[in-house]
């Protein structure tokens, strides 16, 4: 009961299925034992040793079939195999049990022992429960048909009439076939539930992995530019302080402000609520680059774009500004928003490119994360040197509805 109450839905179904199969095994053992000591058998000339041996073999078959059913079910679910000694022992016990019941029927007389077909069916059930689980359907069907035919044939040889033999064939075939179908359907249902559980586990692991990737990507995007600005302003403050300039204090105040803003942004990332705003990112990138001594001109603001497109392009501006600050020795940077008939393009171009500057496809975790963001809105990213010491990042995003080409707004002062 503790296992049932504390188990999951699949654990309860697994326990119920296994319990049902084991119950069927022992529910077939009890009738054999009772029918082996009925009045027709006791009043016949059957030796006591034969009666006792048949009862003991039936009980032994039950104890053998209990682990055999469990292992067969595991092999069926995992598409594996089972070691031969246990199935072989189960088959031998089934044949011995069947032979003992036929011997009792011969002594009592098939006509005086009408329960013989039921007893023979019960004798075949424990092993056939495992047989249908570890063999293909056609193999088990042929084996069960041969078993029914063989038992009915032996019954006729033991003195039973044709109708009794036919009754035995029908009884054994129906009983064993019904249990075979039940066992097979139970295993199939449990297998489906197992696959559903595995699929749910995979879905959960993928969700965790996706969240980790999102968190790592957002942390890179959020902290990358701010840390670069903090490093530049700290170096500038050190130089100003060494020269005795009072403006060093202003630079450190700015460093403090950026650090506090970064703390808030990190908290927003952890909550999963942060979205990049394109106009804000454009102004922020221009301010940061100018503070670093880089001449920056911005054309367009993207204020009328859909929110998902603005967010994706906002992240593109942030990543581009971070790369400009980190790589090369740029003196000038141009940021342009170019509206086309079927979409909009963000072009960020800077000079001062040195050998080894990142940007080739597949290089850099920042660009990889940016490609994922743009792909979510159907966009694409191209980044790399264009020659003459220039580096260009182009993010293209399709718009939901066609837009006519319009002249670029004036540059932000």
Protein backbone atom coordinates (compact mmCIF):
# COMPACT_ATOMS: atom_id res chain seq x y z
CA UNK A 1 0.00 0.00 0.00
CA UNK A 2 2.88 2.39 0.71
CA UNK A 3 4.32 1.69 -2.73
CA UNK A 4 0.90 2.31 -4.30
CA UNK A 5 0.27 5.56 -2.44
CA UNK A 6 3.77 6.92 -2.97
CA UNK A 7 4.12 5.89 -6.63
CA UNK A 8 3.51 7.94 -9.74
CA UNK A 9 0.77 7.21 -12.26
CA UNK A 10 3.04 4.98 -14.33
CA UNK A 11 4.28 3.14 -11.22
CA UNK A 12 0.68 2.36 -10.27
CA UNK A 13 -0.13 1.07 -13.76
CA UNK A 14 3.05 -1.03 -13.75
CA UNK A 15 2.22 -2.48 -10.35
CA UNK A 16 -1.38 -3.16 -11.40
CA UNK A 17 -0.32 -4.92 -14.63
CA UNK A 18 2.27 -7.10 -12.95
CA UNK A 19 -0.10 -7.91 -10.11
CA UNK A 20 -2.79 -8.90 -12.59
CA UNK A 21 -0.50 -11.27 -14.49
CA UNK A 22 0.79 -12.89 -11.31
CA UNK A 23 -2.78 -13.24 -10.06
CA UNK A 24 -3.77 -15.01 -13.29
CA UNK A 25 -0.89 -17.45 -12.83
CA UNK A 26 -1.92 -18.42 -9.33
CA UNK A 27 -5.62 -18.37 -10.20
CA UNK A 28 -4.79 -21.16 -12.66
CA UNK A 29 -2.82 -23.13 -10.07
CA UNK A 30 -5.59 -23.30 -7.48
CA UNK A 31 -8.17 -24.96 -9.81
CA UNK A 32 -5.62 -27.59 -10.82
CA UNK A 33 -4.93 -28.52 -7.22
CA UNK A 34 -8.63 -28.69 -6.36
CA UNK A 35 -9.59 -30.65 -9.49
CA UNK A 36 -6.74 -33.10 -8.90
CA UNK A 37 -8.35 -34.24 -5.65
CA UNK A 38 -12.03 -34.24 -6.67
CA UNK A 39 -14.26 -37.22 -5.97
CA UNK A 40 -13.88 -38.89 -9.42
CA UNK A 41 -10.14 -38.90 -8.94
CA UNK A 42 -10.23 -40.06 -5.33
CA UNK A 43 -12.66 -42.87 -6.11
CA UNK A 44 -10.62 -44.07 -9.05
CA UNK A 45 -7.66 -46.43 -8.99
CA UNK A 46 -5.23 -43.50 -9.41
CA UNK A 47 -2.16 -44.00 -7.20
CA UNK A 48 -1.77 -41.56 -4.32
CA UNK A 49 1.74 -40.84 -5.56
CA UNK A 50 0.36 -39.70 -8.93
CA UNK A 51 -2.21 -37.43 -7.25
CA UNK A 52 0.36 -35.96 -4.87
CA UNK A 53 2.93 -35.59 -7.65
CA UNK A 54 0.43 -33.76 -9.88
CA UNK A 55 -0.45 -31.36 -7.06
CA UNK A 56 3.21 -30.68 -6.20
CA UNK A 57 4.14 -30.14 -9.86
CA UNK A 58 1.26 -27.65 -10.21
CA UNK A 59 2.51 -25.71 -7.17
CA UNK A 60 6.09 -25.86 -8.47
CA UNK A 61 4.88 -24.51 -11.82
CA UNK A 62 3.33 -21.57 -9.99
CA UNK A 63 6.57 -20.74 -8.16
CA UNK A 64 8.53 -21.08 -11.41
CA UNK A 65 6.10 -18.98 -13.45
CA UNK A 66 6.09 -16.07 -10.99
CA UNK A 67 9.67 -14.89 -11.75
CA UNK A 68 9.34 -16.11 -15.34
CA UNK A 69 6.37 -13.80 -15.98
CA UNK A 70 8.20 -10.85 -14.41
CA UNK A 71 11.32 -11.38 -16.54
CA UNK A 72 9.27 -12.02 -19.67
CA UNK A 73 7.40 -8.76 -19.18
CA UNK A 74 10.68 -6.87 -18.73
CA UNK A 75 12.07 -8.49 -21.88
CA UNK A 76 8.90 -7.60 -23.80
CA UNK A 77 9.03 -3.94 -22.71
CA UNK A 78 12.75 -3.55 -23.42
CA UNK A 79 12.77 -5.72 -26.57
CA UNK A 80 15.39 -7.89 -24.93
CA UNK A 81 15.87 -11.60 -24.38
CA UNK A 82 15.57 -13.90 -21.41
CA UNK A 83 17.98 -16.64 -20.32
CA UNK A 84 16.94 -20.12 -21.44
CA UNK A 85 17.12 -22.16 -18.19
CA UNK A 86 14.02 -20.58 -16.61
CA UNK A 87 11.73 -20.86 -19.69
CA UNK A 88 12.97 -24.41 -20.24
CA UNK A 89 12.10 -25.33 -16.66
CA UNK A 90 8.69 -23.72 -17.07
CA UNK A 91 7.99 -25.73 -20.23
CA UNK A 92 9.08 -28.99 -18.57
CA UNK A 93 6.85 -28.33 -15.54
CA UNK A 94 3.89 -27.50 -17.80
CA UNK A 95 4.32 -30.75 -19.77
CA UNK A 96 4.73 -32.75 -16.54
CA UNK A 97 1.66 -31.11 -15.05
CA UNK A 98 -0.36 -31.81 -18.20
CA UNK A 99 0.84 -35.43 -18.24
CA UNK A 100 -0.15 -35.87 -14.60
CA UNK A 101 -3.66 -34.51 -15.23
CA UNK A 102 -4.05 -36.76 -18.30
CA UNK A 103 -2.97 -39.72 -16.17
CA UNK A 104 -5.58 -38.86 -13.56
CA UNK A 105 -8.16 -38.49 -16.33
CA UNK A 106 -7.23 -41.92 -17.69
CA UNK A 107 -7.69 -43.55 -14.28
CA UNK A 108 -10.93 -41.70 -13.53
CA UNK A 109 -12.25 -41.97 -17.07
CA UNK A 110 -12.69 -38.90 -19.26
CA UNK A 111 -16.48 -39.23 -19.16
CA UNK A 112 -16.44 -39.44 -15.34
CA UNK A 113 -14.06 -36.50 -15.07
CA UNK A 114 -15.80 -33.73 -17.10
CA UNK A 115 -13.67 -31.04 -15.46
CA UNK A 116 -10.56 -32.41 -17.18
CA UNK A 117 -10.56 -29.78 -20.02
CA UNK A 118 -10.70 -27.02 -17.41
CA UNK A 119 -7.84 -28.57 -15.47
CA UNK A 120 -5.76 -28.96 -18.64
CA UNK A 121 -6.38 -25.34 -19.59
CA UNK A 122 -5.29 -24.24 -16.12
CA UNK A 123 -2.13 -26.34 -16.44
CA UNK A 124 -1.16 -24.59 -19.68
CA UNK A 125 -1.88 -21.04 -18.52
CA UNK A 126 1.18 -20.26 -16.31
CA UNK A 127 3.80 -21.02 -18.96
CA UNK A 128 1.83 -19.69 -21.92
CA UNK A 129 1.49 -16.34 -20.09
CA UNK A 130 5.25 -15.97 -20.40
CA UNK A 131 5.40 -17.56 -23.85
CA UNK A 132 3.20 -14.93 -25.49
CA UNK A 133 5.38 -12.17 -23.99
CA UNK A 134 8.75 -13.40 -25.23
CA UNK A 135 7.84 -14.74 -28.67
CA UNK A 136 6.31 -13.12 -31.78
CA UNK A 137 2.54 -13.30 -32.08
CA UNK A 138 2.58 -15.86 -34.90
CA UNK A 139 4.97 -18.14 -33.02
CA UNK A 140 2.89 -18.10 -29.86
CA UNK A 141 -0.32 -18.63 -31.88
CA UNK A 142 1.11 -21.71 -33.59
CA UNK A 143 2.45 -23.05 -30.29
CA UNK A 144 -0.91 -22.62 -28.54
CA UNK A 145 -2.75 -24.30 -31.42
CA UNK A 146 -0.34 -27.24 -31.36
CA UNK A 147 -0.70 -27.47 -27.57
CA UNK A 148 -4.49 -27.57 -27.78
CA UNK A 149 -4.43 -30.16 -30.55
CA UNK A 150 -1.89 -32.30 -28.73
CA UNK A 151 -3.81 -32.27 -25.44
CA UNK A 152 -7.11 -33.14 -27.14
CA UNK A 153 -5.40 -35.92 -29.08
CA UNK A 154 -3.93 -37.44 -25.94
CA UNK A 155 -7.36 -37.18 -24.30
CA UNK A 156 -8.89 -39.31 -27.06
CA UNK A 157 -6.06 -41.85 -26.66
CA UNK A 158 -6.83 -42.00 -22.94
CA UNK A 159 -10.35 -43.22 -23.71
CA UNK A 160 -12.27 -40.03 -24.36
CA UNK A 161 -14.85 -39.87 -27.08
CA UNK A 162 -14.57 -37.68 -30.12
CA UNK A 163 -16.93 -35.10 -28.70
CA UNK A 164 -14.95 -35.03 -25.45
CA UNK A 165 -11.70 -34.56 -27.38
CA UNK A 166 -13.28 -31.75 -29.36
CA UNK A 167 -14.56 -30.21 -26.14
CA UNK A 168 -11.05 -30.43 -24.70
CA UNK A 169 -9.56 -28.80 -27.80
CA UNK A 170 -12.09 -25.96 -27.66
CA UNK A 171 -11.73 -25.49 -23.90
CA UNK A 172 -7.96 -25.47 -23.86
CA UNK A 173 -7.75 -23.28 -26.97
CA UNK A 174 -10.27 -20.75 -25.70
CA UNK A 175 -8.88 -20.54 -22.17
CA UNK A 176 -5.25 -20.33 -23.18
CA UNK A 177 -6.01 -17.99 -26.09
CA UNK A 178 -8.02 -15.62 -23.89
CA UNK A 179 -5.20 -15.39 -21.36
CA UNK A 180 -2.65 -14.92 -24.15
CA UNK A 181 -4.60 -11.98 -25.57
CA UNK A 182 -5.01 -10.49 -22.08
CA UNK A 183 -1.31 -10.80 -21.31
CA UNK A 184 -0.27 -9.40 -24.66
CA UNK A 185 -2.62 -6.41 -24.43
CA UNK A 186 -1.51 -5.72 -20.87
CA UNK A 187 2.14 -5.69 -21.95
CA UNK A 188 1.31 -3.48 -24.94
CA UNK A 189 -0.56 -0.98 -22.75
CA UNK A 190 2.29 -0.89 -20.26
CA UNK A 191 4.77 -0.40 -23.11
CA UNK A 192 2.78 2.57 -24.44
CA UNK A 193 2.70 4.12 -20.98
CA UNK A 194 6.44 3.54 -20.63
CA UNK A 195 7.10 5.34 -23.92
CA UNK A 196 4.87 8.22 -22.84
CA UNK A 197 6.78 8.49 -19.58
CA UNK A 198 10.11 8.44 -21.41
CA UNK A 199 8.83 11.10 -23.82
CA UNK A 200 7.75 13.26 -20.87
CA UNK A 201 11.18 12.84 -19.29
CA UNK A 202 12.86 13.84 -22.56
CA UNK A 203 10.54 16.84 -22.86
CA UNK A 204 11.42 17.90 -19.33
CA UNK A 205 15.15 17.57 -19.96
CA UNK A 206 14.86 19.52 -23.21
CA UNK A 207 12.94 22.27 -21.43
CA UNK A 208 15.65 22.49 -18.78
CA UNK A 209 18.38 22.54 -21.44
CA UNK A 210 16.53 25.22 -23.42
CA UNK A 211 16.14 27.35 -20.32
CA UNK A 212 19.85 27.00 -19.57
CA UNK A 213 20.69 28.07 -23.12
CA UNK A 214 18.31 31.02 -22.87
CA UNK A 215 19.78 32.06 -19.54
CA UNK A 216 23.37 31.78 -20.80
CA UNK A 217 22.53 33.67 -23.98
CA UNK A 218 20.74 36.45 -22.11
CA UNK A 219 23.53 36.76 -19.55
CA UNK A 220 26.04 37.11 -22.38
CA UNK A 221 23.92 39.71 -24.16
CA UNK A 222 23.14 41.68 -21.02
CA UNK A 223 26.54 41.70 -19.34
CA UNK A 224 28.76 41.69 -22.42
CA UNK A 225 28.35 45.32 -23.40
CA UNK A 226 28.05 46.66 -19.84
CA UNK A 227 31.22 44.91 -18.70
CA UNK A 228 33.05 46.23 -21.75
CA UNK A 229 31.90 49.77 -20.93
CA UNK A 230 32.86 49.38 -17.28
CA UNK A 231 36.34 48.21 -18.30
CA UNK A 232 36.81 51.15 -20.70
CA UNK A 233 35.57 53.75 -18.24
CA UNK A 234 37.65 52.26 -15.43
CA UNK A 235 40.80 52.52 -17.60
CA UNK A 236 39.86 56.10 -18.49
CA UNK A 237 39.32 56.95 -14.82
CA UNK A 238 42.74 55.51 -13.93
CA UNK A 239 44.42 57.62 -16.62
CA UNK A 240 42.57 60.75 -15.53
CA UNK A 241 43.40 60.10 -11.89
CA UNK A 242 47.08 59.66 -12.74
CA UNK A 243 46.99 63.03 -14.46
CA UNK A 244 45.25 64.61 -11.49
CA UNK A 245 42.08 65.39 -13.47
CA UNK A 246 38.90 65.79 -11.36
CA UNK A 247 36.83 64.27 -14.17
CA UNK A 248 38.07 60.87 -13.01
CA UNK A 249 35.40 61.05 -10.33
CA UNK A 250 32.70 61.50 -12.98
CA UNK A 251 33.90 58.41 -14.81
CA UNK A 252 33.76 56.31 -11.66
CA UNK A 253 30.26 57.62 -10.92
CA UNK A 254 29.27 56.47 -14.41
CA UNK A 255 30.88 53.07 -13.73
CA UNK A 256 28.82 52.81 -10.54
CA UNK A 257 25.63 53.68 -12.42
CA UNK A 258 26.28 51.06 -15.13
CA UNK A 259 27.09 48.43 -12.49
CA UNK A 260 23.79 49.07 -10.69
CA UNK A 261 21.88 48.97 -13.97
CA UNK A 262 23.59 45.66 -14.77
CA UNK A 263 22.42 44.24 -11.46
CA UNK A 264 18.84 45.10 -12.30
CA UNK A 265 19.18 43.65 -15.78
CA UNK A 266 20.56 40.40 -14.38
CA UNK A 267 17.58 40.16 -12.03
CA UNK A 268 15.26 40.73 -14.99
CA UNK A 269 17.01 37.98 -16.95
CA UNK A 270 16.64 35.57 -14.06
CA UNK A 271 12.91 36.28 -13.94
CA UNK A 272 12.72 35.83 -17.72
CA UNK A 273 10.94 39.13 -18.27
CA UNK A 274 13.55 41.20 -20.05
CA UNK A 275 12.95 42.24 -23.67
CA UNK A 276 15.19 44.51 -25.69
CA UNK A 277 13.65 47.79 -26.92
CA UNK A 278 15.06 48.85 -30.29
CA UNK A 279 14.97 52.69 -29.91
CA UNK A 280 16.46 52.42 -26.42
CA UNK A 281 19.18 50.06 -27.63
CA UNK A 282 20.04 52.37 -30.54
CA UNK A 283 20.45 55.36 -28.24
CA UNK A 284 22.32 53.27 -25.70
CA UNK A 285 24.71 51.89 -28.32
CA UNK A 286 25.38 55.37 -29.69
CA UNK A 287 26.05 56.75 -26.21
CA UNK A 288 28.33 53.89 -25.21
CA UNK A 289 30.37 54.00 -28.40
CA UNK A 290 30.79 57.76 -28.22
CA UNK A 291 31.86 57.46 -24.59
CA UNK A 292 34.54 55.05 -25.76
CA UNK A 293 35.81 57.59 -28.29
CA UNK A 294 34.17 56.00 -31.33
CA UNK A 295 32.25 58.23 -33.72
CA UNK A 296 28.78 56.68 -34.13
CA UNK A 297 25.91 57.66 -36.43
CA UNK A 298 22.47 56.04 -36.20
CA UNK A 299 19.93 56.18 -39.04
CA UNK A 300 16.34 55.17 -38.18
CA UNK A 301 14.72 54.16 -34.91
CA UNK A 302 12.30 51.32 -35.80
CA UNK A 303 9.56 52.80 -33.64
CA UNK A 304 6.70 51.46 -35.81
CA UNK A 305 7.95 47.90 -36.08
CA UNK A 306 6.10 44.96 -34.44
CA UNK A 307 7.23 44.22 -30.90
CA UNK A 308 8.87 40.82 -31.68
CA UNK A 309 10.86 42.37 -34.55
CA UNK A 310 11.91 45.31 -32.37
CA UNK A 311 13.07 42.94 -29.66
CA UNK A 312 15.13 40.78 -32.05
CA UNK A 313 16.76 43.81 -33.69
CA UNK A 314 17.36 45.36 -30.28
CA UNK A 315 19.41 42.34 -29.28
CA UNK A 316 21.24 42.60 -32.59
CA UNK A 317 22.19 46.24 -31.84
CA UNK A 318 23.39 45.27 -28.36
CA UNK A 319 25.53 42.38 -29.65
CA UNK A 320 26.95 44.50 -32.48
CA UNK A 321 27.92 47.31 -30.09
CA UNK A 322 29.56 44.78 -27.77
CA UNK A 323 31.65 43.38 -30.63
CA UNK A 324 32.69 46.87 -31.75
CA UNK A 325 33.94 47.64 -28.24
CA UNK A 326 35.71 44.34 -27.75
CA UNK A 327 37.40 43.69 -31.07
CA UNK A 328 39.72 45.76 -33.22
CA UNK A 329 40.49 49.46 -32.87
CA UNK A 330 37.50 51.21 -34.44
CA UNK A 331 37.23 54.96 -34.94
CA UNK A 332 33.85 55.06 -36.66
CA UNK A 333 30.64 53.02 -36.56
CA UNK A 334 27.48 53.40 -38.65
CA UNK A 335 24.16 51.84 -37.64
CA UNK A 336 21.44 51.84 -40.29
CA UNK A 337 17.88 50.58 -40.38
CA UNK A 338 16.90 49.97 -44.02
CA UNK A 339 13.23 49.33 -44.76
CA UNK A 340 12.52 47.12 -47.75
CA UNK A 341 9.36 45.84 -49.42
CA UNK A 342 9.33 42.51 -47.62
CA UNK A 343 11.24 43.29 -44.44
CA UNK A 344 13.76 45.40 -42.63
CA UNK A 345 17.52 45.20 -42.39
CA UNK A 346 19.82 46.35 -39.62
CA UNK A 347 23.34 47.11 -40.84
CA UNK A 348 26.15 47.84 -38.39
CA UNK A 349 29.49 48.74 -40.00
CA UNK A 350 32.71 49.72 -38.30
CA UNK A 351 36.34 50.17 -39.23
CA UNK A 352 39.50 49.17 -37.38
CA UNK A 353 39.18 45.46 -38.11
CA UNK A 354 42.23 43.42 -37.14
CA UNK A 355 43.06 39.84 -38.19
CA UNK A 356 41.13 37.27 -36.19
CA UNK A 357 38.10 39.46 -35.60
CA UNK A 358 35.11 37.19 -34.79
CA UNK A 359 32.05 37.16 -36.94
CA UNK A 360 32.38 34.28 -39.32
CA UNK A 361 29.42 31.93 -39.31
CA UNK A 362 29.51 29.64 -36.31
CA UNK A 363 32.04 31.78 -34.41
CA UNK A 364 31.30 33.33 -31.04
CA UNK A 365 28.58 32.42 -28.61
CA UNK A 366 27.07 35.92 -28.87
CA UNK A 367 26.50 35.68 -32.62
CA UNK A 368 25.20 32.13 -32.23
CA UNK A 369 22.64 33.27 -29.66
CA UNK A 370 21.73 36.23 -31.87
CA UNK A 371 21.06 33.91 -34.81
CA UNK A 372 18.68 31.94 -32.60
CA UNK A 373 16.80 35.11 -31.63
CA UNK A 374 16.48 36.22 -35.25
CA UNK A 375 15.45 32.74 -36.40
CA UNK A 376 12.53 32.91 -33.94
CA UNK A 377 11.04 35.76 -36.03
CA UNK A 378 12.10 34.33 -39.39
CA UNK A 379 15.20 36.48 -39.66
CA UNK A 380 18.82 35.81 -40.62
CA UNK A 381 22.25 37.13 -39.70
CA UNK A 382 25.40 37.74 -41.69
CA UNK A 383 28.59 39.01 -40.11
CA UNK A 384 32.17 39.28 -41.28
CA UNK A 385 34.89 41.50 -42.75
CA UNK A 386 34.01 43.25 -46.00
CA UNK A 387 37.47 44.42 -46.99
CA UNK A 388 39.39 47.70 -46.53
CA UNK A 389 39.48 47.12 -42.79
CA UNK A 390 35.68 47.19 -42.43
CA UNK A 391 33.45 44.80 -40.54
CA UNK A 392 29.73 44.53 -41.23
CA UNK A 393 26.91 42.86 -39.34
CA UNK A 394 23.58 42.56 -41.18
CA UNK A 395 20.38 41.32 -39.54
CA UNK A 396 17.41 40.87 -41.89
CA UNK A 397 13.91 40.27 -40.55
CA UNK A 398 10.76 39.82 -42.69
CA UNK A 399 7.73 41.90 -41.75
CA UNK A 400 4.24 40.44 -41.32
CA UNK A 401 2.82 42.65 -44.09
CA UNK A 402 4.45 44.35 -47.10
CA UNK A 403 5.88 47.78 -46.43
CA UNK A 404 6.78 50.33 -49.03
CA UNK A 405 10.26 51.62 -49.17
CA UNK A 406 10.59 54.92 -47.35
CA UNK A 407 13.51 57.35 -47.14
CA UNK A 408 15.71 56.86 -44.11
CA UNK A 409 14.99 59.25 -41.20
CA UNK A 410 17.63 61.83 -40.39
CA UNK A 411 20.59 60.72 -38.32
CA UNK A 412 20.28 61.02 -34.54
CA UNK A 413 22.37 63.92 -33.37
